[in-house]
Amino acid sequence: MAIAAPGASRSRPAVVDVKSRASSRLLFVDNIRVWLTILVVLFHTMIIYARTGSWYYIEGREDFVTGALGAWFVAVNQTYFMGLFLLIST
């Protein structure tokens, strides 16, 4: 059975490879992903509380201002956030 020399480790290229992948990662994409995840939670909360969707659970106020702001928030965010999730997932 042969004994490897102290400096001849096979794991060294793997460590270099991991470091090169980590340094090539775009951190702003992670920030966009976190922001979009928070936006999805707020989006679904707004659907429930502003009654802008046809969900099985409805709660919240029944005034015009809440409904109008909720409809605006849902309509604006619905236009881009799922497409942006698809774009940054590749």
Protein backbone atom coordinates (compact mmCIF):
# COMPACT_ATOMS: atom_id res chain seq x y z
CA MET A 1 0.00 0.00 0.00
CA ALA A 2 1.46 3.31 -1.06
CA ILE A 3 1.47 6.31 1.25
CA ALA A 4 0.76 9.70 -0.31
CA ALA A 5 3.26 12.48 0.13
CA PRO A 6 2.23 15.20 2.62
CA GLY A 7 1.81 17.88 -0.07
CA ALA A 8 0.00 15.69 -2.61
CA SER A 9 -3.62 15.99 -1.59
CA ARG A 10 -6.42 15.29 -4.06
CA SER A 11 -8.87 17.62 -2.32
CA ARG A 12 -6.88 20.75 -3.12
CA PRO A 13 -8.38 21.32 -6.63
CA ALA A 14 -11.89 20.90 -5.20
CA VAL A 15 -11.24 23.63 -2.64
CA VAL A 16 -9.97 25.96 -5.34
CA ASP A 17 -13.01 25.12 -7.48
CA VAL A 18 -15.42 25.94 -4.65
CA LYS A 19 -13.71 29.25 -3.99
CA SER A 20 -13.83 30.21 -7.67
CA ARG A 21 -17.57 29.44 -7.84
CA ALA A 22 -18.24 31.45 -4.70
CA SER A 23 -16.32 34.45 -6.00
CA SER A 24 -18.19 34.34 -9.33
CA ARG A 25 -21.61 34.38 -7.59
CA LEU A 26 -23.62 37.55 -8.17
CA LEU A 27 -24.75 38.71 -4.75
CA PHE A 28 -27.27 41.21 -6.08
CA VAL A 29 -29.24 38.29 -7.54
CA ASP A 30 -29.54 36.85 -4.03
CA ASN A 31 -30.78 40.22 -2.82
CA ILE A 32 -33.41 40.31 -5.58
CA ARG A 33 -34.47 36.77 -4.68
CA VAL A 34 -34.92 37.72 -1.00
CA TRP A 35 -36.86 40.86 -1.94
CA LEU A 36 -39.15 38.92 -4.26
CA THR A 37 -39.79 36.29 -1.59
CA ILE A 38 -40.86 39.01 0.86
CA LEU A 39 -43.00 40.54 -1.88
CA VAL A 40 -44.78 37.23 -2.50
CA VAL A 41 -45.64 36.94 1.19
CA LEU A 42 -46.97 40.52 1.22
CA PHE A 43 -48.84 39.86 -2.02
CA HIS A 44 -50.71 36.88 -0.64
CA THR A 45 -51.41 38.69 2.61
CA MET A 46 -52.89 41.59 0.66
CA ILE A 47 -55.13 39.22 -1.28
CA ILE A 48 -56.56 37.96 2.01
CA TYR A 49 -56.96 41.26 3.84
CA ALA A 50 -58.03 43.54 0.98
CA ARG A 51 -60.36 40.95 -0.61
CA THR A 52 -58.82 41.38 -4.05
CA GLY A 53 -58.75 37.68 -4.90
CA SER A 54 -61.09 34.76 -4.85
CA TRP A 55 -59.51 32.80 -2.03
CA TYR A 56 -61.38 30.48 0.28
CA TYR A 57 -60.32 32.52 3.34
CA ILE A 58 -61.30 36.19 3.44
CA GLU A 59 -60.63 38.55 6.31
CA GLY A 60 -60.26 42.27 6.69
CA ARG A 61 -62.03 45.55 6.30
CA GLU A 62 -64.68 46.22 3.72
CA ASP A 63 -63.91 49.85 2.91
CA PHE A 64 -63.06 51.40 -0.43
CA VAL A 65 -59.56 52.60 0.47
CA THR A 66 -58.31 49.18 1.59
CA GLY A 67 -59.82 47.50 -1.47
CA ALA A 68 -58.43 50.11 -3.87
CA LEU A 69 -54.92 50.05 -2.40
CA GLY A 70 -54.97 46.26 -2.25
CA ALA A 71 -56.12 45.98 -5.85
CA TRP A 72 -53.42 48.40 -6.97
CA PHE A 73 -50.69 46.56 -5.00
CA VAL A 74 -51.75 43.17 -6.35
CA ALA A 75 -52.13 44.39 -9.94
CA VAL A 76 -48.75 46.13 -10.03
CA ASN A 77 -46.79 43.31 -8.43
CA GLN A 78 -48.56 40.58 -10.35
CA THR A 79 -47.25 41.99 -13.60
CA TYR A 80 -43.60 41.25 -12.92
CA PHE A 81 -42.68 39.19 -9.87
CA MET A 82 -43.30 35.68 -11.21
CA GLY A 83 -41.53 36.51 -14.46
CA LEU A 84 -38.59 37.92 -12.52
CA PHE A 85 -38.41 34.76 -10.41
CA LEU A 86 -38.24 32.75 -13.62
CA LEU A 87 -35.56 35.04 -15.05
CA ILE A 88 -33.25 34.85 -12.04
CA SER A 89 -33.71 31.11 -11.53
CA THR A 90 -31.49 30.26 -14.49
